[in-house]
Amino acid sequence: MTRYRFDGLTTAIVIIAAFVIWKVSGTLFVIFAGLIAATIFRSAGNFLAEHTSAPRSAMLITVYLVFSASVLGGAVWGGSTLVSQFGELSQTVQTESQRLFGFLDKVDESTSPPQTSENQQQQPLSQDQTSAPQQQDPAPYRQTSSGEDNNAASIADYLPDTASLIDSARTAFNTTLGVLGNLLVVVFIGIFVSWQPEPYRKGLISLVPPARRERIGEVLSESVDQLAKWIAGQGIAMLVIFLASWLVLWLIDMPFAFLLALQAGLLAFIPTIGPLLAGIPIIFAGMSVSPNMLIWGLATYLAIQMVESNLLTPIVQQRATALPPALTLGFQLVMGALFGLPGLIVAVPMLAIILTLVRRLYVEDVLGGPASGSRRSASDKA
């Protein structure tokens, strides 16, 4: 009886914990993004300290200053231009998508056979129906009989709805404020954790029994190292995709070349799904110019992605944790379905950490090693 009570209590605790995690998932993703930023800052500072004679703290301060100057400089010198171009690009994508869907609807209507029913069959008109003229409802003429009312109504049609404008402005302001606030929190968490990571590491290790603390510390250090290598590899791939896309799109005179290349480079942080999403604006931007521009833009995008997938990614990720493609895509879909865009963004780095923890703490420590290693050890003993 006591065992059943314990199992029920454990199940209830797990369900409550899962519900709480789901409710505060947005905050947890912001914290995890801050840890990713801390990993980036710390890795950059360590790299500079290893290749220079300067102390690590000075290199960290240099990283913070360079990052702040880059963000503020980009916002001051190109922020308004990027915002206006982003609005134009969004309008172009919306217009071309409507044109495409309208064309597909026309094709579907032309290929589908006409549907007739018994109620729609033609019937001979009676003598009264053929002789009597159709009477029109005089109500519209009565409503527009006054010239003043007609002019007022026509002017009101051209004026925007004030309430809808205020609601749209309020929604845009709240969304922008929320995004900027989350970004500031991410940056502050990254700075605080990267400057003094040891208190957080020691506090986490102190939660486990003393006999396991050394092993947990080793696994945590390995997890952070694998995350840093994965981020470094993705950063190189993002930079190469941005520069190559910008150069080629500029050469073929694609509109919004810089913005299209920028979004392609940023979306490269999301493996598999990000490149697919990055190709959609390029296709619609090419459609707005001509079919030839569409073909050139699509060919350019496919060529860059093939080089990135088959040449660049294997080189830059050869020292990081190997992530199975099917598992990566499945985990991305699950995280996207449960938590939306934030879950999709942090899915792969979170999976890299989870795989490291599972391999070290469960497969090796609990099960005694992977299956291939067990077979080799058995054969060696034989």
Protein backbone atom coordinates (compact mmCIF):
# COMPACT_ATOMS: atom_id res chain seq x y z
CA MET A 1 0.00 0.00 0.00
CA THR A 2 2.84 2.35 0.83
CA ARG A 3 4.47 1.58 -2.53
CA TYR A 4 1.31 2.53 -4.44
CA ARG A 5 1.07 5.78 -2.48
CA PHE A 6 4.70 6.56 -3.29
CA ASP A 7 4.16 5.83 -7.01
CA GLY A 8 1.06 8.03 -7.06
CA LEU A 9 2.86 10.84 -5.30
CA THR A 10 5.77 10.60 -7.75
CA THR A 11 3.41 10.67 -10.73
CA ALA A 12 1.59 13.70 -9.33
CA ILE A 13 4.88 15.53 -8.75
CA VAL A 14 6.02 14.78 -12.31
CA ILE A 15 2.71 16.01 -13.78
CA ILE A 16 2.76 19.20 -11.70
CA ALA A 17 6.40 19.86 -12.59
CA ALA A 18 5.66 19.37 -16.31
CA PHE A 19 2.71 21.75 -16.09
CA VAL A 20 4.76 24.40 -14.30
CA ILE A 21 7.58 24.08 -16.84
CA TRP A 22 5.08 24.46 -19.69
CA LYS A 23 3.52 27.56 -18.11
CA VAL A 24 6.87 29.29 -17.52
CA SER A 25 8.48 28.00 -20.72
CA GLY A 26 8.92 31.52 -22.10
CA THR A 27 10.97 32.58 -19.08
CA LEU A 28 12.99 29.37 -19.16
CA PHE A 29 13.84 29.92 -22.83
CA VAL A 30 15.01 33.46 -22.06
CA ILE A 31 17.27 32.08 -19.31
CA PHE A 32 18.62 29.39 -21.64
CA ALA A 33 19.26 32.00 -24.33
CA GLY A 34 21.17 33.98 -21.70
CA LEU A 35 23.30 30.90 -20.97
CA ILE A 36 24.00 30.58 -24.70
CA ALA A 37 25.08 34.23 -24.75
CA ALA A 38 27.30 33.58 -21.72
CA THR A 39 28.89 30.66 -23.56
CA ILE A 40 29.56 32.89 -26.57
CA PHE A 41 31.10 35.66 -24.45
CA ARG A 42 33.18 33.25 -22.37
CA SER A 43 34.45 31.32 -25.40
CA ALA A 44 35.41 34.52 -27.23
CA GLY A 45 37.23 35.82 -24.16
CA ASN A 46 39.07 32.53 -23.67
CA PHE A 47 40.09 32.46 -27.32
CA LEU A 48 41.50 35.97 -27.17
CA ALA A 49 43.26 35.28 -23.87
CA GLU A 50 44.90 32.12 -25.23
CA HIS A 51 46.25 33.91 -28.31
CA THR A 52 47.37 37.08 -26.53
CA SER A 53 49.26 37.89 -23.38
CA ALA A 54 46.35 39.86 -21.90
CA PRO A 55 44.42 38.52 -18.87
CA ARG A 56 41.12 36.82 -19.39
CA SER A 57 39.11 39.50 -17.58
CA ALA A 58 40.48 42.18 -19.91
CA MET A 59 39.54 40.09 -22.93
CA LEU A 60 36.03 39.60 -21.57
CA ILE A 61 35.64 43.35 -21.16
CA THR A 62 36.86 43.76 -24.74
CA VAL A 63 34.24 41.28 -25.95
CA TYR A 64 31.50 43.14 -24.07
CA LEU A 65 32.58 46.48 -25.52
CA VAL A 66 32.84 45.16 -29.08
CA PHE A 67 29.41 43.56 -28.82
CA SER A 68 27.83 46.74 -27.40
CA ALA A 69 29.49 48.95 -30.02
CA SER A 70 28.35 46.65 -32.83
CA VAL A 71 24.73 46.63 -31.65
CA LEU A 72 24.55 50.36 -30.95
CA GLY A 73 26.40 51.26 -34.14
CA GLY A 74 24.14 49.09 -36.24
CA ALA A 75 21.06 50.56 -34.60
CA VAL A 76 22.22 54.16 -35.08
CA TRP A 77 23.64 53.99 -38.59
CA GLY A 78 21.44 51.36 -40.23
CA GLY A 79 18.53 50.75 -37.90
CA SER A 80 15.99 53.01 -39.62
CA THR A 81 17.04 51.80 -43.07
CA LEU A 82 16.72 48.15 -42.07
CA VAL A 83 13.33 48.76 -40.50
CA SER A 84 12.00 50.50 -43.62
CA GLN A 85 13.44 47.80 -45.90
CA PHE A 86 11.98 45.12 -43.66
CA GLY A 87 8.56 46.73 -44.01
CA GLU A 88 8.91 46.89 -47.79
CA LEU A 89 10.11 43.29 -47.93
CA SER A 90 7.20 42.13 -45.78
CA GLN A 91 4.76 43.94 -48.05
CA THR A 92 6.41 42.40 -51.12
CA VAL A 93 6.22 38.90 -49.65
CA GLN A 94 2.56 39.40 -48.73
CA THR A 95 1.65 40.75 -52.19
CA GLU A 96 3.47 38.03 -54.10
CA SER A 97 2.05 35.30 -51.88
CA GLN A 98 -1.47 36.60 -52.55
CA ARG A 99 -0.72 36.62 -56.28
CA LEU A 100 0.57 33.06 -56.10
CA PHE A 101 -2.43 31.80 -54.14
CA GLY A 102 -4.78 33.62 -56.52
CA PHE A 103 -3.09 31.99 -59.50
CA LEU A 104 -3.37 28.57 -57.88
CA ASP A 105 -7.07 29.16 -57.16
CA LYS A 106 -7.69 30.07 -60.81
CA VAL A 107 -5.85 26.96 -61.96
CA ASP A 108 -7.91 24.84 -59.59
CA GLU A 109 -11.17 26.39 -60.81
CA SER A 110 -10.24 25.90 -64.47
CA THR A 111 -9.32 22.25 -63.99
CA SER A 112 -12.29 21.30 -61.79
CA PRO A 113 -15.53 20.29 -63.63
CA PRO A 114 -18.57 22.52 -63.18
CA GLN A 115 -21.00 21.31 -60.55
CA THR A 116 -24.73 21.33 -61.31
CA SER A 117 -27.65 20.38 -59.15
CA GLU A 118 -31.30 19.70 -59.72
CA ASN A 119 -32.26 23.10 -58.30
CA GLN A 120 -29.97 24.84 -60.81
CA GLN A 121 -31.56 23.27 -63.92
CA GLN A 122 -33.13 25.75 -66.30
CA GLN A 123 -36.89 25.96 -66.25
CA PRO A 124 -39.14 27.76 -68.80
CA LEU A 125 -40.26 31.16 -67.68
CA SER A 126 -43.93 31.81 -67.20
CA GLN A 127 -45.75 34.54 -69.09
CA ASP A 128 -45.91 36.76 -66.00
CA GLN A 129 -42.15 36.44 -65.43
CA THR A 130 -41.31 37.36 -69.05
CA SER A 131 -43.69 40.28 -69.32
CA ALA A 132 -43.31 41.92 -65.93
CA PRO A 133 -40.25 44.20 -65.64
CA GLN A 134 -37.99 43.63 -62.70
CA GLN A 135 -38.48 46.15 -59.95
CA GLN A 136 -35.45 47.51 -58.19
CA ASP A 137 -35.28 48.35 -54.56
CA PRO A 138 -35.50 52.13 -54.27
CA ALA A 139 -33.85 52.05 -50.85
CA PRO A 140 -30.34 52.82 -52.12
CA TYR A 141 -31.64 55.83 -54.01
CA ARG A 142 -33.50 57.03 -50.96
CA GLN A 143 -30.32 56.69 -48.87
CA THR A 144 -28.23 58.74 -51.29
CA SER A 145 -30.88 61.33 -52.15
CA SER A 146 -29.17 63.94 -50.04
CA GLY A 147 -25.96 65.24 -51.59
CA GLU A 148 -24.54 66.25 -48.22
CA ASP A 149 -25.03 62.80 -46.70
CA ASN A 150 -23.56 61.17 -49.79
CA ASN A 151 -20.43 63.32 -49.67
CA ALA A 152 -19.99 62.70 -45.95
CA ALA A 153 -20.30 58.96 -46.45
CA SER A 154 -17.81 58.94 -49.32
CA ILE A 155 -15.26 60.94 -47.31
CA ALA A 156 -15.70 58.62 -44.32
CA ASP A 157 -14.95 55.63 -46.52
CA TYR A 158 -11.50 57.01 -47.30
CA LEU A 159 -10.64 57.86 -43.69
CA PRO A 160 -8.91 55.15 -41.59
CA ASP A 161 -10.57 53.68 -38.56
CA THR A 162 -9.10 55.50 -35.58
CA ALA A 163 -9.82 52.70 -33.12
CA SER A 164 -8.12 50.07 -35.29
CA LEU A 165 -5.09 52.32 -35.79
CA ILE A 166 -4.73 52.83 -32.03
CA ASP A 167 -5.08 49.10 -31.36
CA SER A 168 -2.52 48.24 -34.03
CA ALA A 169 -0.06 50.82 -32.70
CA ARG A 170 -0.55 49.58 -29.13
CA THR A 171 0.00 45.96 -30.18
CA ALA A 172 3.14 46.82 -32.17
CA PHE A 173 4.52 48.89 -29.29
CA ASN A 174 3.88 46.16 -26.72
CA THR A 175 5.42 43.50 -28.96
CA THR A 176 8.50 45.60 -29.67
CA LEU A 177 8.90 46.48 -26.01
CA GLY A 178 8.59 42.83 -24.99
CA VAL A 179 11.18 41.70 -27.54
CA LEU A 180 13.64 44.41 -26.54
CA GLY A 181 13.11 43.62 -22.86
CA ASN A 182 13.79 39.92 -23.43
CA LEU A 183 16.92 40.74 -25.43
CA LEU A 184 18.22 42.95 -22.63
CA VAL A 185 17.60 40.18 -20.09
CA VAL A 186 19.46 37.71 -22.33
CA VAL A 187 22.44 40.06 -22.63
CA PHE A 188 22.58 40.77 -18.89
CA ILE A 189 22.39 37.07 -18.02
CA GLY A 190 25.14 36.39 -20.54
CA ILE A 191 27.38 39.07 -19.06
CA PHE A 192 26.83 38.06 -15.42
CA VAL A 193 27.29 34.32 -15.99
CA SER A 194 30.29 34.69 -18.31
CA TRP A 195 32.06 37.04 -15.89
CA GLN A 196 31.71 34.74 -12.84
CA PRO A 197 30.53 31.25 -13.89
CA GLU A 198 31.96 29.39 -10.89
CA PRO A 199 29.31 30.38 -8.29
CA TYR A 200 26.53 29.07 -10.55
CA ARG A 201 28.48 25.90 -11.35
CA LYS A 202 29.29 25.19 -7.70
CA GLY A 203 25.71 25.87 -6.66
CA LEU A 204 24.41 23.37 -9.20
CA ILE A 205 26.95 20.71 -8.24
CA SER A 206 26.09 21.17 -4.55
CA LEU A 207 22.59 19.82 -5.23
CA VAL A 208 23.88 16.27 -5.85
CA PRO A 209 25.35 13.83 -3.31
CA PRO A 210 29.05 14.35 -2.49
CA ALA A 211 30.06 11.02 -4.07
CA ARG A 212 28.75 12.18 -7.47
CA ARG A 213 29.90 15.80 -7.44
CA GLU A 214 33.22 15.23 -9.20
CA ARG A 215 31.58 13.26 -11.99
CA ILE A 216 28.78 15.82 -12.37
CA GLY A 217 31.36 18.59 -12.58
CA GLU A 218 33.21 16.77 -15.37
CA VAL A 219 30.01 16.19 -17.33
CA LEU A 220 28.89 19.81 -16.92
CA SER A 221 32.26 21.06 -18.18
CA GLU A 222 32.04 18.72 -21.15
CA SER A 223 28.47 19.87 -21.89
CA VAL A 224 29.53 23.52 -21.89
CA ASP A 225 32.51 22.67 -24.09
CA GLN A 226 30.33 20.83 -26.60
CA LEU A 227 27.84 23.71 -26.63
CA ALA A 228 30.66 26.18 -27.25
CA LYS A 229 31.99 24.11 -30.15
CA TRP A 230 28.54 23.79 -31.69
CA ILE A 231 27.92 27.54 -31.41
CA ALA A 232 31.33 28.30 -32.91
CA GLY A 233 30.62 26.01 -35.84
CA GLN A 234 27.17 27.49 -36.41
CA GLY A 235 28.59 31.01 -36.14
CA ILE A 236 31.11 30.31 -38.90
CA ALA A 237 28.39 28.79 -41.08
CA MET A 238 26.09 31.78 -40.47
CA LEU A 239 28.84 34.25 -41.39
CA VAL A 240 29.75 32.39 -44.58
CA ILE A 241 26.11 32.09 -45.67
CA PHE A 242 25.50 35.79 -45.02
CA LEU A 243 28.56 36.98 -46.94
CA ALA A 244 28.10 34.57 -49.86
CA SER A 245 24.38 35.31 -50.15
CA TRP A 246 24.92 39.06 -49.99
CA LEU A 247 27.62 38.98 -52.67
CA VAL A 248 25.72 36.79 -55.12
CA LEU A 249 22.35 38.47 -54.61
CA TRP A 250 24.00 41.85 -55.10
CA LEU A 251 25.66 40.65 -58.31
CA ILE A 252 22.37 39.48 -59.82
CA ASP A 253 20.72 42.77 -58.73
CA MET A 254 18.19 41.15 -56.42
CA PRO A 255 16.10 43.69 -54.47
CA PHE A 256 16.66 43.76 -50.68
CA ALA A 257 19.93 41.85 -51.18
CA PHE A 258 21.43 42.80 -47.81
CA LEU A 259 18.27 42.08 -45.83
CA LEU A 260 17.70 38.75 -47.60
CA ALA A 261 21.30 37.72 -46.92
CA LEU A 262 21.01 38.84 -43.29
CA GLN A 263 17.90 36.77 -42.64
CA ALA A 264 19.48 33.78 -44.40
CA GLY A 265 22.53 34.02 -42.16
CA LEU A 266 20.50 34.41 -38.97
CA LEU A 267 18.15 31.53 -39.82
CA ALA A 268 21.18 29.30 -40.40
CA PHE A 269 21.34 29.07 -36.59
CA ILE A 270 18.33 26.73 -36.85
CA PRO A 271 19.58 23.64 -38.73
CA THR A 272 17.36 21.95 -41.34
CA ILE A 273 14.30 24.16 -40.83
CA GLY A 274 16.06 27.55 -40.86
CA PRO A 275 17.42 27.27 -44.41
CA LEU A 276 13.98 26.27 -45.69
CA LEU A 277 12.41 29.33 -44.08
CA ALA A 278 15.17 31.59 -45.42
CA GLY A 279 14.42 30.59 -49.01
CA ILE A 280 10.80 31.80 -48.92
CA PRO A 281 11.54 35.58 -48.90
CA ILE A 282 14.16 35.12 -51.62
CA ILE A 283 11.63 33.37 -53.86
CA PHE A 284 8.95 36.04 -53.39
CA ALA A 285 11.47 38.88 -53.81
CA GLY A 286 12.51 37.37 -57.15
CA MET A 287 8.87 36.94 -58.20
CA SER A 288 8.28 40.66 -57.68
CA VAL A 289 10.86 41.47 -60.38
CA SER A 290 10.61 38.84 -63.12
CA PRO A 291 10.58 35.06 -63.67
CA ASN A 292 14.27 35.21 -64.59
CA MET A 293 15.11 36.89 -61.30
CA LEU A 294 13.11 34.21 -59.50
CA ILE A 295 15.14 31.47 -61.21
CA TRP A 296 18.46 33.23 -60.50
CA GLY A 297 17.60 33.80 -56.86
CA LEU A 298 16.42 30.22 -56.35
CA ALA A 299 19.51 28.81 -58.06
CA THR A 300 21.78 31.00 -55.94
CA TYR A 301 20.07 29.98 -52.74
CA LEU A 302 20.19 26.26 -53.57
CA ALA A 303 23.87 26.43 -54.56
CA ILE A 304 24.86 28.18 -51.32
CA GLN A 305 22.85 25.75 -49.21
CA MET A 306 24.38 22.73 -50.96
CA VAL A 307 27.89 24.03 -50.32
CA GLU A 308 27.00 24.80 -46.70
CA SER A 309 25.37 21.40 -46.04
CA ASN A 310 27.91 19.18 -47.84
CA LEU A 311 31.17 21.04 -47.29
CA LEU A 312 31.05 23.75 -44.64
CA THR A 313 28.94 22.10 -41.92
CA PRO A 314 30.92 18.80 -41.80
CA ILE A 315 34.17 20.78 -41.48
CA VAL A 316 33.12 23.23 -38.77
CA GLN A 317 31.15 20.66 -36.75
CA GLN A 318 33.67 17.81 -36.86
CA ARG A 319 34.79 18.49 -33.26
CA ALA A 320 31.31 19.03 -31.83
CA THR A 321 28.76 16.50 -30.68
CA ALA A 322 27.39 14.48 -33.60
CA LEU A 323 23.65 15.09 -33.77
CA PRO A 324 21.66 12.48 -35.73
CA PRO A 325 19.68 14.32 -38.46
CA ALA A 326 16.40 12.47 -37.89
CA LEU A 327 16.58 12.99 -34.12
CA THR A 328 17.45 16.66 -34.62
CA LEU A 329 14.53 17.28 -36.96
CA GLY A 330 12.10 15.38 -34.75
CA PHE A 331 13.19 17.27 -31.64
CA GLN A 332 12.84 20.57 -33.52
CA LEU A 333 9.30 19.71 -34.61
CA VAL A 334 8.31 18.71 -31.08
CA MET A 335 9.79 21.85 -29.51
CA GLY A 336 8.21 24.03 -32.19
CA ALA A 337 4.80 22.42 -31.70
CA LEU A 338 4.94 22.75 -27.91
CA PHE A 339 6.59 26.14 -27.47
CA GLY A 340 6.45 27.89 -30.85
CA LEU A 341 9.33 29.90 -32.31
CA PRO A 342 11.37 30.16 -29.05
CA GLY A 343 11.34 26.38 -28.71
CA LEU A 344 12.41 26.00 -32.33
CA ILE A 345 15.34 28.38 -31.87
CA VAL A 346 16.82 26.70 -28.78
CA ALA A 347 15.96 23.14 -29.79
CA VAL A 348 19.31 22.10 -31.29
CA PRO A 349 21.66 23.55 -28.64
CA MET A 350 19.40 22.09 -25.96
CA LEU A 351 19.53 18.72 -27.73
CA ALA A 352 23.34 18.87 -27.82
CA ILE A 353 23.45 19.31 -24.04
CA ILE A 354 20.81 16.61 -23.42
CA LEU A 355 22.70 14.07 -25.55
CA THR A 356 25.93 14.75 -23.68
CA LEU A 357 24.22 14.33 -20.30
CA VAL A 358 22.42 11.14 -21.36
CA ARG A 359 25.54 9.55 -22.83
CA ARG A 360 27.75 10.29 -19.84
CA LEU A 361 25.39 10.00 -16.86
CA TYR A 362 23.03 7.26 -18.05
CA VAL A 363 24.56 5.23 -20.86
CA GLU A 364 28.07 5.12 -19.37
CA ASP A 365 27.46 5.40 -15.62
CA VAL A 366 24.21 3.42 -15.30
CA LEU A 367 24.25 1.02 -18.25
CA GLY A 368 28.00 0.54 -18.41
CA GLY A 369 28.60 2.00 -21.87
CA PRO A 370 27.13 1.95 -25.36
CA ALA A 371 26.18 -1.28 -27.11
CA SER A 372 29.15 -1.25 -29.49
CA GLY A 373 31.55 -0.72 -26.59
CA SER A 374 29.99 -3.63 -24.66
CA ARG A 375 30.41 -5.96 -27.62
CA ARG A 376 34.02 -4.91 -28.10
CA SER A 377 34.77 -5.40 -24.41
CA ALA A 378 33.13 -8.83 -24.47
CA SER A 379 35.17 -9.87 -27.49
CA ASP A 380 38.36 -8.59 -25.88
CA LYS A 381 37.68 -10.66 -22.77
CA ALA A 382 37.04 -13.72 -24.91
